[in-house]
Amino acid sequence: MAENKTPKAPEEREDIILAPEEAAEEAIEQIVTLYDENGNPEDYELIDLFEYREGVYGAFTPVLTGEEPNEIDVVMLKVTEDGNAFIEIEDATEEEAAFRELLRREEELVD
């Protein structure tokens, strides 16, 4: 018989390292280098890490150097099952749902 496993929240998982709750208000810079389709590197900053449905997602924006743009690109990635890396979200519907969850979370912070 298959076990029905409920996914753990990020703060309960031992394979995902999160900042302590008391440090949540401090800026914690987490930079990763992502590569475009031509192999060009660009640094991105993790702006949010959250659990949604059955996965853990990270939202990244390019590291700003100089003038702030009118629009900021957001790259959504998913944490691998083992929690050791981020992977591209291949399903466009899943990616859009994770992005909408990010927006919902951001609205909660503003309210």
PDB file of N, CA and C in Angstrom:
ATOM      1  N   MET A   1       0.817  -1.178   0.000  1.00  0.00           N
ATOM      2  CA  MET A   1       0.000   0.000   0.000  1.00  0.00           C
ATOM      3  C   MET A   1       0.867   1.251   0.000  1.00  0.00           C
ATOM      4  N   ALA A   2       0.471   2.229  -0.808  1.00  0.00           N
ATOM      5  CA  ALA A   2       1.219   3.487  -0.870  1.00  0.00           C
ATOM      6  C   ALA A   2       0.835   4.372   0.300  1.00  0.00           C
ATOM      7  N   GLU A   3       1.847   4.997   0.883  1.00  0.00           N
ATOM      8  CA  GLU A   3       1.616   5.911   1.992  1.00  0.00           C
ATOM      9  C   GLU A   3       1.179   7.260   1.457  1.00  0.00           C
ATOM     10  N   ASN A   4       0.245   7.893   2.139  1.00  0.00           N
ATOM     11  CA  ASN A   4      -0.177   9.235   1.776  1.00  0.00           C
ATOM     12  C   ASN A   4       0.646  10.211   2.602  1.00  0.00           C
ATOM     13  N   LYS A   5       1.630  10.835   1.973  1.00  0.00           N
ATOM     14  CA  LYS A   5       2.517  11.742   2.689  1.00  0.00           C
ATOM     15  C   LYS A   5       2.079  13.176   2.450  1.00  0.00           C
ATOM     16  N   THR A   6       1.891  13.919   3.512  1.00  0.00           N
ATOM     17  CA  THR A   6       1.592  15.335   3.417  1.00  0.00           C
ATOM     18  C   THR A   6       2.913  16.077   3.384  1.00  0.00           C
ATOM     19  N   PRO A   7       3.101  16.969   2.391  1.00  0.00           N
ATOM     20  CA  PRO A   7       4.372  17.678   2.343  1.00  0.00           C
ATOM     21  C   PRO A   7       4.554  18.567   3.563  1.00  0.00           C
ATOM     22  N   LYS A   8       5.791  18.654   4.031  1.00  0.00           N
ATOM     23  CA  LYS A   8       6.105  19.485   5.186  1.00  0.00           C
ATOM     24  C   LYS A   8       6.310  20.929   4.743  1.00  0.00           C
ATOM     25  N   ALA A   9       6.007  21.842   5.639  1.00  0.00           N
ATOM     26  CA  ALA A   9       6.272  23.252   5.382  1.00  0.00           C
ATOM     27  C   ALA A   9       7.782  23.452   5.297  1.00  0.00           C
ATOM     28  N   PRO A  10       8.251  24.466   4.546  1.00  0.00           N
ATOM     29  CA  PRO A  10       9.703  24.672   4.401  1.00  0.00           C
ATOM     30  C   PRO A  10      10.428  24.739   5.739  1.00  0.00           C
ATOM     31  N   GLU A  11       9.820  25.399   6.723  1.00  0.00           N
ATOM     32  CA  GLU A  11      10.502  25.529   8.018  1.00  0.00           C
ATOM     33  C   GLU A  11      10.587  24.210   8.787  1.00  0.00           C
ATOM     34  N   GLU A  12       9.814  23.202   8.379  1.00  0.00           N
ATOM     35  CA  GLU A  12       9.843  21.902   9.043  1.00  0.00           C
ATOM     36  C   GLU A  12      10.751  20.905   8.324  1.00  0.00           C
ATOM     37  N   ARG A  13      11.212  21.262   7.124  1.00  0.00           N
ATOM     38  CA  ARG A  13      12.047  20.345   6.352  1.00  0.00           C
ATOM     39  C   ARG A  13      13.498  20.519   6.732  1.00  0.00           C
ATOM     40  N   GLU A  14      14.179  19.409   6.936  1.00  0.00           N
ATOM     41  CA  GLU A  14      15.593  19.433   7.291  1.00  0.00           C
ATOM     42  C   GLU A  14      16.480  19.667   6.078  1.00  0.00           C
ATOM     43  N   ASP A  15      15.940  19.438   4.867  1.00  0.00           N
ATOM     44  CA  ASP A  15      16.755  19.558   3.662  1.00  0.00           C
ATOM     45  C   ASP A  15      16.721  20.949   3.040  1.00  0.00           C
ATOM     46  N   ILE A  16      15.974  21.878   3.642  1.00  0.00           N
ATOM     47  CA  ILE A  16      15.923  23.249   3.156  1.00  0.00           C
ATOM     48  C   ILE A  16      16.388  24.158   4.276  1.00  0.00           C
ATOM     49  N   ILE A  17      17.370  24.980   3.980  1.00  0.00           N
ATOM     50  CA  ILE A  17      17.919  25.871   4.993  1.00  0.00           C
ATOM     51  C   ILE A  17      17.249  27.226   4.866  1.00  0.00           C
ATOM     52  N   LEU A  18      16.549  27.620   5.907  1.00  0.00           N
ATOM     53  CA  LEU A  18      15.893  28.921   5.947  1.00  0.00           C
ATOM     54  C   LEU A  18      16.495  29.755   7.056  1.00  0.00           C
ATOM     55  N   ALA A  19      16.339  31.060   6.925  1.00  0.00           N
ATOM     56  CA  ALA A  19      16.819  31.960   7.972  1.00  0.00           C
ATOM     57  C   ALA A  19      15.954  31.777   9.212  1.00  0.00           C
ATOM     58  N   PRO A  20      16.531  31.956  10.396  1.00  0.00           N
ATOM     59  CA  PRO A  20      15.729  31.875  11.611  1.00  0.00           C
ATOM     60  C   PRO A  20      14.615  32.917  11.569  1.00  0.00           C
ATOM     61  N   GLU A  21      13.495  32.602  12.195  1.00  0.00           N
ATOM     62  CA  GLU A  21      12.336  33.486  12.164  1.00  0.00           C
ATOM     63  C   GLU A  21      12.665  34.890  12.662  1.00  0.00           C
ATOM     64  N   GLU A  22      13.507  35.002  13.685  1.00  0.00           N
ATOM     65  CA  GLU A  22      13.847  36.309  14.225  1.00  0.00           C
ATOM     66  C   GLU A  22      14.656  37.145  13.232  1.00  0.00           C
ATOM     67  N   ALA A  23      15.251  36.513  12.242  1.00  0.00           N
ATOM     68  CA  ALA A  23      16.032  37.239  11.239  1.00  0.00           C
ATOM     69  C   ALA A  23      15.202  37.558  10.006  1.00  0.00           C
ATOM     70  N   ALA A  24      13.935  37.171  10.010  1.00  0.00           N
ATOM     71  CA  ALA A  24      13.099  37.344   8.827  1.00  0.00           C
ATOM     72  C   ALA A  24      12.933  38.808   8.440  1.00  0.00           C
ATOM     73  N   GLU A  25      12.988  39.713   9.397  1.00  0.00           N
ATOM     74  CA  GLU A  25      12.818  41.128   9.086  1.00  0.00           C
ATOM     75  C   GLU A  25      14.105  41.753   8.558  1.00  0.00           C
ATOM     76  N   GLU A  26      15.228  41.115   8.779  1.00  0.00           N
ATOM     77  CA  GLU A  26      16.497  41.619   8.273  1.00  0.00           C
ATOM     78  C   GLU A  26      16.668  41.171   6.823  1.00  0.00           C
ATOM     79  N   ALA A  27      17.347  41.988   6.063  1.00  0.00           N
ATOM     80  CA  ALA A  27      17.599  41.631   4.666  1.00  0.00           C
ATOM     81  C   ALA A  27      18.632  40.512   4.612  1.00  0.00           C
ATOM     82  N   ILE A  28      18.245  39.400   4.063  1.00  0.00           N
ATOM     83  CA  ILE A  28      19.155  38.270   3.896  1.00  0.00           C
ATOM     84  C   ILE A  28      19.360  38.098   2.400  1.00  0.00           C
ATOM     85  N   GLU A  29      20.540  38.393   1.953  1.00  0.00           N
ATOM     86  CA  GLU A  29      20.820  38.365   0.536  1.00  0.00           C
ATOM     87  C   GLU A  29      21.248  36.971   0.122  1.00  0.00           C
ATOM     88  N   GLN A  30      20.517  36.412  -0.811  1.00  0.00           N
ATOM     89  CA  GLN A  30      20.874  35.111  -1.353  1.00  0.00           C
ATOM     90  C   GLN A  30      20.936  35.265  -2.862  1.00  0.00           C
ATOM     91  N   ILE A  31      22.126  35.197  -3.394  1.00  0.00           N
ATOM     92  CA  ILE A  31      22.359  35.416  -4.818  1.00  0.00           C
ATOM     93  C   ILE A  31      22.688  34.090  -5.496  1.00  0.00           C
ATOM     94  N   VAL A  32      22.071  33.874  -6.650  1.00  0.00           N
ATOM     95  CA  VAL A  32      22.394  32.715  -7.474  1.00  0.00           C
ATOM     96  C   VAL A  32      22.707  33.210  -8.875  1.00  0.00           C
ATOM     97  N   THR A  33      23.509  32.465  -9.585  1.00  0.00           N
ATOM     98  CA  THR A  33      23.807  32.799 -10.967  1.00  0.00           C
ATOM     99  C   THR A  33      22.988  31.886 -11.864  1.00  0.00           C
ATOM    100  N   LEU A  34      22.173  32.497 -12.710  1.00  0.00           N
ATOM    101  CA  LEU A  34      21.370  31.757 -13.677  1.00  0.00           C
ATOM    102  C   LEU A  34      21.935  32.030 -15.064  1.00  0.00           C
ATOM    103  N   TYR A  35      21.728  31.099 -15.978  1.00  0.00           N
ATOM    104  CA  TYR A  35      22.269  31.205 -17.328  1.00  0.00           C
ATOM    105  C   TYR A  35      21.134  31.239 -18.340  1.00  0.00           C
ATOM    106  N   ASP A  36      21.232  32.154 -19.306  1.00  0.00           N
ATOM    107  CA  ASP A  36      20.213  32.219 -20.343  1.00  0.00           C
ATOM    108  C   ASP A  36      20.461  31.131 -21.389  1.00  0.00           C
ATOM    109  N   GLU A  37      19.623  31.126 -22.425  1.00  0.00           N
ATOM    110  CA  GLU A  37      19.717  30.072 -23.446  1.00  0.00           C
ATOM    111  C   GLU A  37      21.027  30.105 -24.220  1.00  0.00           C
ATOM    112  N   ASN A  38      21.754  31.237 -24.150  1.00  0.00           N
ATOM    113  CA  ASN A  38      23.053  31.344 -24.823  1.00  0.00           C
ATOM    114  C   ASN A  38      24.219  31.074 -23.883  1.00  0.00           C
ATOM    115  N   GLY A  39      23.930  30.706 -22.650  1.00  0.00           N
ATOM    116  CA  GLY A  39      24.978  30.409 -21.684  1.00  0.00           C
ATOM    117  C   GLY A  39      25.542  31.626 -20.974  1.00  0.00           C
ATOM    118  N   ASN A  40      24.891  32.777 -21.136  1.00  0.00           N
ATOM    119  CA  ASN A  40      25.355  34.000 -20.478  1.00  0.00           C
ATOM    120  C   ASN A  40      24.890  34.028 -19.021  1.00  0.00           C
ATOM    121  N   PRO A  41      25.816  34.272 -18.084  1.00  0.00           N
ATOM    122  CA  PRO A  41      25.436  34.285 -16.666  1.00  0.00           C
ATOM    123  C   PRO A  41      24.812  35.616 -16.255  1.00  0.00           C
ATOM    124  N   GLU A  42      23.888  35.556 -15.310  1.00  0.00           N
ATOM    125  CA  GLU A  42      23.314  36.758 -14.710  1.00  0.00           C
ATOM    126  C   GLU A  42      22.983  36.434 -13.258  1.00  0.00           C
ATOM    127  N   ASP A  43      23.321  37.355 -12.369  1.00  0.00           N
ATOM    128  CA  ASP A  43      23.057  37.147 -10.950  1.00  0.00           C
ATOM    129  C   ASP A  43      21.617  37.522 -10.621  1.00  0.00           C
ATOM    130  N   TYR A  44      20.967  36.659  -9.827  1.00  0.00           N
ATOM    131  CA  TYR A  44      19.596  36.870  -9.377  1.00  0.00           C
ATOM    132  C   TYR A  44      19.561  36.760  -7.866  1.00  0.00           C
ATOM    133  N   GLU A  45      18.656  37.530  -7.275  1.00  0.00           N
ATOM    134  CA  GLU A  45      18.485  37.524  -5.826  1.00  0.00           C
ATOM    135  C   GLU A  45      17.195  36.807  -5.462  1.00  0.00           C
ATOM    136  N   LEU A  46      17.263  35.952  -4.465  1.00  0.00           N
ATOM    137  CA  LEU A  46      16.077  35.271  -3.957  1.00  0.00           C
ATOM    138  C   LEU A  46      15.240  36.287  -3.195  1.00  0.00           C
ATOM    139  N   ILE A  47      13.986  36.490  -3.629  1.00  0.00           N
ATOM    140  CA  ILE A  47      13.121  37.447  -2.940  1.00  0.00           C
ATOM    141  C   ILE A  47      12.069  36.760  -2.084  1.00  0.00           C
ATOM    142  N   ASP A  48      11.786  35.488  -2.356  1.00  0.00           N
ATOM    143  CA  ASP A  48      10.817  34.763  -1.534  1.00  0.00           C
ATOM    144  C   ASP A  48      11.004  33.266  -1.748  1.00  0.00           C
ATOM    145  N   LEU A  49      10.803  32.527  -0.685  1.00  0.00           N
ATOM    146  CA  LEU A  49      10.839  31.068  -0.699  1.00  0.00           C
ATOM    147  C   LEU A  49       9.602  30.616   0.043  1.00  0.00           C
ATOM    148  N   PHE A  50       8.758  29.821  -0.617  1.00  0.00           N
ATOM    149  CA  PHE A  50       7.482  29.470   0.000  1.00  0.00           C
ATOM    150  C   PHE A  50       6.994  28.108  -0.472  1.00  0.00           C
ATOM    151  N   GLU A  51       6.151  27.520   0.368  1.00  0.00           N
ATOM    152  CA  GLU A  51       5.497  26.263   0.016  1.00  0.00           C
ATOM    153  C   GLU A  51       4.163  26.601  -0.620  1.00  0.00           C
ATOM    154  N   TYR A  52       3.851  25.888  -1.686  1.00  0.00           N
ATOM    155  CA  TYR A  52       2.570  26.074  -2.364  1.00  0.00           C
ATOM    156  C   TYR A  52       2.158  24.739  -2.945  1.00  0.00           C
ATOM    157  N   ARG A  53       0.960  24.337  -2.624  1.00  0.00           N
ATOM    158  CA  ARG A  53       0.431  23.038  -3.016  1.00  0.00           C
ATOM    159  C   ARG A  53       1.404  21.943  -2.591  1.00  0.00           C
ATOM    160  N   GLU A  54       2.008  21.244  -3.534  1.00  0.00           N
ATOM    161  CA  GLU A  54       2.882  20.128  -3.170  1.00  0.00           C
ATOM    162  C   GLU A  54       4.358  20.412  -3.427  1.00  0.00           C
ATOM    163  N   GLY A  55       4.724  21.681  -3.511  1.00  0.00           N
ATOM    164  CA  GLY A  55       6.117  22.007  -3.801  1.00  0.00           C
ATOM    165  C   GLY A  55       6.597  23.201  -3.005  1.00  0.00           C
ATOM    166  N   VAL A  56       7.884  23.452  -3.118  1.00  0.00           N
ATOM    167  CA  VAL A  56       8.507  24.623  -2.521  1.00  0.00           C
ATOM    168  C   VAL A  56       9.098  25.418  -3.677  1.00  0.00           C
ATOM    169  N   TYR A  57       8.796  26.712  -3.710  1.00  0.00           N
ATOM    170  CA  TYR A  57       9.171  27.560  -4.831  1.00  0.00           C
ATOM    171  C   TYR A  57      10.029  28.728  -4.371  1.00  0.00           C
ATOM    172  N   GLY A  58      10.890  29.165  -5.263  1.00  0.00           N
ATOM    173  CA  GLY A  58      11.698  30.352  -5.021  1.00  0.00           C
ATOM    174  C   GLY A  58      11.420  31.362  -6.110  1.00  0.00           C
ATOM    175  N   ALA A  59      11.314  32.633  -5.713  1.00  0.00           N
ATOM    176  CA  ALA A  59      11.124  33.723  -6.662  1.00  0.00           C
ATOM    177  C   ALA A  59      12.420  34.533  -6.691  1.00  0.00           C
ATOM    178  N   PHE A  60      12.932  34.783  -7.874  1.00  0.00           N
ATOM    179  CA  PHE A  60      14.207  35.467  -8.050  1.00  0.00           C
ATOM    180  C   PHE A  60      14.035  36.673  -8.970  1.00  0.00           C
ATOM    181  N   THR A  61      14.766  37.750  -8.670  1.00  0.00           N
ATOM    182  CA  THR A  61      14.809  38.918  -9.542  1.00  0.00           C
ATOM    183  C   THR A  61      16.272  39.219  -9.861  1.00  0.00           C
ATOM    184  N   PRO A  62      16.529  39.837 -11.027  1.00  0.00           N
ATOM    185  CA  PRO A  62      17.913  40.190 -11.342  1.00  0.00           C
ATOM    186  C   PRO A  62      18.472  41.145 -10.299  1.00  0.00           C
ATOM    187  N   VAL A  63      19.741  40.981  -9.995  1.00  0.00           N
ATOM    188  CA  VAL A  63      20.408  41.895  -9.074  1.00  0.00           C
ATOM    189  C   VAL A  63      20.507  43.237  -9.786  1.00  0.00           C
ATOM    190  N   LEU A  64      19.971  44.266  -9.141  1.00  0.00           N
ATOM    191  CA  LEU A  64      19.955  45.592  -9.751  1.00  0.00           C
ATOM    192  C   LEU A  64      21.320  46.249  -9.616  1.00  0.00           C
ATOM    193  N   THR A  65      21.791  46.760 -10.717  1.00  0.00           N
ATOM    194  CA  THR A  65      23.050  47.507 -10.718  1.00  0.00           C
ATOM    195  C   THR A  65      22.758  48.851 -11.345  1.00  0.00           C
ATOM    196  N   GLY A  66      22.631  49.856 -10.503  1.00  0.00           N
ATOM    197  CA  GLY A  66      22.362  51.196 -11.009  1.00  0.00           C
ATOM    198  C   GLY A  66      20.895  51.552 -10.937  1.00  0.00           C
ATOM    199  N   GLU A  67      20.403  52.140 -12.008  1.00  0.00           N
ATOM    200  CA  GLU A  67      19.042  52.667 -12.061  1.00  0.00           C
ATOM    201  C   GLU A  67      18.002  51.551 -12.010  1.00  0.00           C
ATOM    202  N   GLU A  68      16.936  51.772 -11.208  1.00  0.00           N
ATOM    203  CA  GLU A  68      15.866  50.783 -11.102  1.00  0.00           C
ATOM    204  C   GLU A  68      14.990  50.822 -12.352  1.00  0.00           C
ATOM    205  N   PRO A  69      14.706  49.671 -12.939  1.00  0.00           N
ATOM    206  CA  PRO A  69      13.848  49.633 -14.128  1.00  0.00           C
ATOM    207  C   PRO A  69      12.376  49.835 -13.747  1.00  0.00           C
ATOM    208  N   ASN A  70      11.545  50.166 -14.747  1.00  0.00           N
ATOM    209  CA  ASN A  70      10.104  50.321 -14.510  1.00  0.00           C
ATOM    210  C   ASN A  70       9.463  48.983 -14.172  1.00  0.00           C
ATOM    211  N   GLU A  71       9.941  47.936 -14.809  1.00  0.00           N
ATOM    212  CA  GLU A  71       9.439  46.587 -14.562  1.00  0.00           C
ATOM    213  C   GLU A  71      10.600  45.707 -14.146  1.00  0.00           C
ATOM    214  N   ILE A  72      10.315  44.770 -13.245  1.00  0.00           N
ATOM    215  CA  ILE A  72      11.348  43.839 -12.794  1.00  0.00           C
ATOM    216  C   ILE A  72      10.933  42.431 -13.197  1.00  0.00           C
ATOM    217  N   ASP A  73      11.849  41.725 -13.849  1.00  0.00           N
ATOM    218  CA  ASP A  73      11.589  40.334 -14.203  1.00  0.00           C
ATOM    219  C   ASP A  73      11.620  39.475 -12.946  1.00  0.00           C
ATOM    220  N   VAL A  74      10.722  38.508 -12.892  1.00  0.00           N
ATOM    221  CA  VAL A  74      10.706  37.543 -11.797  1.00  0.00           C
ATOM    222  C   VAL A  74      10.845  36.158 -12.413  1.00  0.00           C
ATOM    223  N   VAL A  75      11.791  35.397 -11.897  1.00  0.00           N
ATOM    224  CA  VAL A  75      11.989  34.024 -12.344  1.00  0.00           C
ATOM    225  C   VAL A  75      11.528  33.108 -11.216  1.00  0.00           C
ATOM    226  N   MET A  76      10.603  32.222 -11.536  1.00  0.00           N
ATOM    227  CA  MET A  76      10.101  31.254 -10.559  1.00  0.00           C
ATOM    228  C   MET A  76      10.816  29.925 -10.785  1.00  0.00           C
ATOM    229  N   LEU A  77      11.369  29.375  -9.711  1.00  0.00           N
ATOM    230  CA  LEU A  77      12.017  28.072  -9.762  1.00  0.00           C
ATOM    231  C   LEU A  77      11.452  27.203  -8.659  1.00  0.00           C
ATOM    232  N   LYS A  78      11.594  25.912  -8.816  1.00  0.00           N
ATOM    233  CA  LYS A  78      11.080  24.952  -7.837  1.00  0.00           C
ATOM    234  C   LYS A  78      12.249  24.263  -7.152  1.00  0.00           C
ATOM    235  N   VAL A  79      12.105  24.021  -5.860  1.00  0.00           N
ATOM    236  CA  VAL A  79      13.125  23.297  -5.113  1.00  0.00           C
ATOM    237  C   VAL A  79      12.999  21.813  -5.455  1.00  0.00           C
ATOM    238  N   THR A  80      14.133  21.172  -5.711  1.00  0.00           N
ATOM    239  CA  THR A  80      14.124  19.742  -6.029  1.00  0.00           C
ATOM    240  C   THR A  80      13.628  18.939  -4.837  1.00  0.00           C
ATOM    241  N   GLU A  81      13.223  17.719  -5.088  1.00  0.00           N
ATOM    242  CA  GLU A  81      12.714  16.839  -4.029  1.00  0.00           C
ATOM    243  C   GLU A  81      13.701  16.676  -2.884  1.00  0.00           C
ATOM    244  N   ASP A  82      14.995  16.616  -3.210  1.00  0.00           N
ATOM    245  CA  ASP A  82      15.994  16.433  -2.151  1.00  0.00           C
ATOM    246  C   ASP A  82      16.367  17.752  -1.472  1.00  0.00           C
ATOM    247  N   GLY A  83      15.839  18.882  -2.004  1.00  0.00           N
ATOM    248  CA  GLY A  83      16.079  20.175  -1.384  1.00  0.00           C
ATOM    249  C   GLY A  83      17.451  20.758  -1.628  1.00  0.00           C
ATOM    250  N   ASN A  84      18.224  20.167  -2.518  1.00  0.00           N
ATOM    251  CA  ASN A  84      19.600  20.618  -2.745  1.00  0.00           C
ATOM    252  C   ASN A  84      19.760  21.625  -3.869  1.00  0.00           C
ATOM    253  N   ALA A  85      18.713  21.853  -4.659  1.00  0.00           N
ATOM    254  CA  ALA A  85      18.856  22.733  -5.811  1.00  0.00           C
ATOM    255  C   ALA A  85      17.503  23.282  -6.237  1.00  0.00           C
ATOM    256  N   PHE A  86      17.561  24.275  -7.099  1.00  0.00           N
ATOM    257  CA  PHE A  86      16.368  24.787  -7.748  1.00  0.00           C
ATOM    258  C   PHE A  86      16.346  24.265  -9.177  1.00  0.00           C
ATOM    259  N   ILE A  87      15.142  24.010  -9.689  1.00  0.00           N
ATOM    260  CA  ILE A  87      14.992  23.570 -11.076  1.00  0.00           C
ATOM    261  C   ILE A  87      13.951  24.443 -11.768  1.00  0.00           C
ATOM    262  N   GLU A  88      14.029  24.455 -13.078  1.00  0.00           N
ATOM    263  CA  GLU A  88      13.063  25.188 -13.887  1.00  0.00           C
ATOM    264  C   GLU A  88      11.697  24.510 -13.755  1.00  0.00           C
ATOM    265  N   ILE A  89      10.647  25.309 -13.725  1.00  0.00           N
ATOM    266  CA  ILE A  89       9.284  24.773 -13.689  1.00  0.00           C
ATOM    267  C   ILE A  89       8.871  24.557 -15.135  1.00  0.00           C
ATOM    268  N   GLU A  90       8.702  23.319 -15.531  1.00  0.00           N
ATOM    269  CA  GLU A  90       8.436  22.996 -16.930  1.00  0.00           C
ATOM    270  C   GLU A  90       6.974  23.163 -17.317  1.00  0.00           C
ATOM    271  N   ASP A  91       6.066  23.077 -16.360  1.00  0.00           N
ATOM    272  CA  ASP A  91       4.638  23.199 -16.626  1.00  0.00           C
ATOM    273  C   ASP A  91       4.237  24.668 -16.468  1.00  0.00           C
ATOM    274  N   ALA A  92       3.789  25.292 -17.575  1.00  0.00           N
ATOM    275  CA  ALA A  92       3.432  26.713 -17.559  1.00  0.00           C
ATOM    276  C   ALA A  92       2.302  27.010 -16.578  1.00  0.00           C
ATOM    277  N   THR A  93       1.359  26.098 -16.431  1.00  0.00           N
ATOM    278  CA  THR A  93       0.253  26.289 -15.500  1.00  0.00           C
ATOM    279  C   THR A  93       0.763  26.298 -14.067  1.00  0.00           C
ATOM    280  N   GLU A  94       1.673  25.393 -13.736  1.00  0.00           N
ATOM    281  CA  GLU A  94       2.269  25.342 -12.400  1.00  0.00           C
ATOM    282  C   GLU A  94       3.071  26.616 -12.121  1.00  0.00           C
ATOM    283  N   GLU A  95       3.825  27.057 -13.122  1.00  0.00           N
ATOM    284  CA  GLU A  95       4.636  28.267 -12.959  1.00  0.00           C
ATOM    285  C   GLU A  95       3.744  29.490 -12.717  1.00  0.00           C
ATOM    286  N   GLU A  96       2.664  29.599 -13.476  1.00  0.00           N
ATOM    287  CA  GLU A  96       1.746  30.729 -13.305  1.00  0.00           C
ATOM    288  C   GLU A  96       1.073  30.676 -11.936  1.00  0.00           C
ATOM    289  N   ALA A  97       0.694  29.481 -11.496  1.00  0.00           N
ATOM    290  CA  ALA A  97       0.058  29.339 -10.176  1.00  0.00           C
ATOM    291  C   ALA A  97       1.028  29.740  -9.069  1.00  0.00           C
ATOM    292  N   ALA A  98       2.288  29.342  -9.183  1.00  0.00           N
ATOM    293  CA  ALA A  98       3.292  29.720  -8.184  1.00  0.00           C
ATOM    294  C   ALA A  98       3.510  31.232  -8.193  1.00  0.00           C
ATOM    295  N   PHE A  99       3.514  31.844  -9.380  1.00  0.00           N
ATOM    296  CA  PHE A  99       3.678  33.291  -9.478  1.00  0.00           C
ATOM    297  C   PHE A  99       2.496  34.015  -8.837  1.00  0.00           C
ATOM    298  N   ARG A 100       1.288  33.522  -9.070  1.00  0.00           N
ATOM    299  CA  ARG A 100       0.098  34.137  -8.458  1.00  0.00           C
ATOM    300  C   ARG A 100       0.157  34.021  -6.927  1.00  0.00           C
ATOM    301  N   GLU A 101       0.681  32.903  -6.438  1.00  0.00           N
ATOM    302  CA  GLU A 101       0.849  32.737  -4.989  1.00  0.00           C
ATOM    303  C   GLU A 101       1.863  33.752  -4.466  1.00  0.00           C
ATOM    304  N   LEU A 102       2.929  33.986  -5.212  1.00  0.00           N
ATOM    305  CA  LEU A 102       3.909  35.008  -4.837  1.00  0.00           C
ATOM    306  C   LEU A 102       3.235  36.374  -4.727  1.00  0.00           C
ATOM    307  N   LEU A 103       2.437  36.725  -5.716  1.00  0.00           N
ATOM    308  CA  LEU A 103       1.735  38.014  -5.694  1.00  0.00           C
ATOM    309  C   LEU A 103       0.787  38.107  -4.507  1.00  0.00           C
ATOM    310  N   ARG A 104       0.083  37.010  -4.212  1.00  0.00           N
ATOM    311  CA  ARG A 104      -0.826  36.992  -3.067  1.00  0.00           C
ATOM    312  C   ARG A 104      -0.059  37.229  -1.775  1.00  0.00           C
ATOM    313  N   ARG A 105       1.099  36.573  -1.654  1.00  0.00           N
ATOM    314  CA  ARG A 105       1.926  36.723  -0.454  1.00  0.00           C
ATOM    315  C   ARG A 105       2.439  38.161  -0.322  1.00  0.00           C
ATOM    316  N   GLU A 106       2.831  38.757  -1.435  1.00  0.00           N
ATOM    317  CA  GLU A 106       3.305  40.131  -1.426  1.00  0.00           C
ATOM    318  C   GLU A 106       2.198  41.097  -1.009  1.00  0.00           C
ATOM    319  N   GLU A 107       0.976  40.859  -1.495  1.00  0.00           N
ATOM    320  CA  GLU A 107      -0.163  41.701  -1.108  1.00  0.00           C
ATOM    321  C   GLU A 107      -0.434  41.615   0.386  1.00  0.00           C
ATOM    322  N   GLU A 108      -0.299  40.403   0.953  1.00  0.00           N
ATOM    323  CA  GLU A 108      -0.481  40.227   2.406  1.00  0.00           C
ATOM    324  C   GLU A 108       0.511  41.063   3.193  1.00  0.00           C
ATOM    325  N   LEU A 109       1.753  41.137   2.709  1.00  0.00           N
ATOM    326  CA  LEU A 109       2.777  41.913   3.395  1.00  0.00           C
ATOM    327  C   LEU A 109       2.488  43.408   3.356  1.00  0.00           C
ATOM    328  N   VAL A 110       1.889  43.868   2.249  1.00  0.00           N
ATOM    329  CA  VAL A 110       1.594  45.285   2.097  1.00  0.00           C
ATOM    330  C   VAL A 110       0.406  45.692   2.959  1.00  0.00           C
ATOM    331  N   ASP A 111      -0.562  44.810   3.100  1.00  0.00           N
ATOM    332  CA  ASP A 111      -1.776  45.121   3.895  1.00  0.00           C
ATOM    333  C   ASP A 111      -1.502  45.271   5.337  1.00  0.00           C
TER     334      ASP A 111
END
